Structure formats: C-alpha cells, structure tokens
Amino acid sequence: MRHVALFLILAIALLSTVAYAATVSVSMPTYQAQNGVYYQVTGYLNVVSNGFFVAQSSSAASSQPCTWSAGGTCTTALTAGDWYYSVTISITANTPSLRRLTK
C-alpha cells in the first residue's frame, strides 16, 4: 500500500514537471480586412468613394436641411480623432433643374 501511494506521488510529480516544462507556442494572428463600399446609384446622382479619414480637428455639422449646390459640402459633426467615410456626390447632366433630391 505504501509503495502504491509513493508511486502515485512520483507519477503526479513527474507529470507535473513535464507539463510545466513543456513548450507552449503562442501565435498572434494578424487580422486584416478589405474595407470598401460598392455603390449602385441609379437616377440623377453619381457617387464616388473618397475613402476613410481621421478628423484632424473638431467640426460642426451642416445646418439641416443641407442646401446643396455645385461644389457645396454637407458634413456631420466630428471630434478630433473620429474616423469618417467621405463620398463625393454629383448630379448627372440629365438631372432636371427643379428636381428635389432627398435621402
């Protein structure tokens, strides 16, 4: 009986030492993503992606409703460090002059 107990203690000690000394490999996966947006706009608008940017400084939002004319800009409120996605929207040549465009 005493030999069995001693054998079990030695076996546990040996297995603990082997488990402690075992090499453990740690892999740090690098996750990458493809960011992009596909626009399929039909009608009187052209939309072009400008990509993602980080705001360098804070800015206020455009007053609503945002009046939009050639070369105009409509923005949302941003805080320095915010990420934003920018698009350029233009009216096509065949847009009627009194057309109202809403979201």
Foldseek 3Di string as FASTA:
>chain_A
DVVVVVVVVVVVVVVVVCVVPDDDDDDDDDDDDDDDDDDDDDDFKDKDWPAKDFAQAWDDFADPPHDDDVVDDGGHTDHGGDMDTDMDMDTDPPDDPPDDDDD
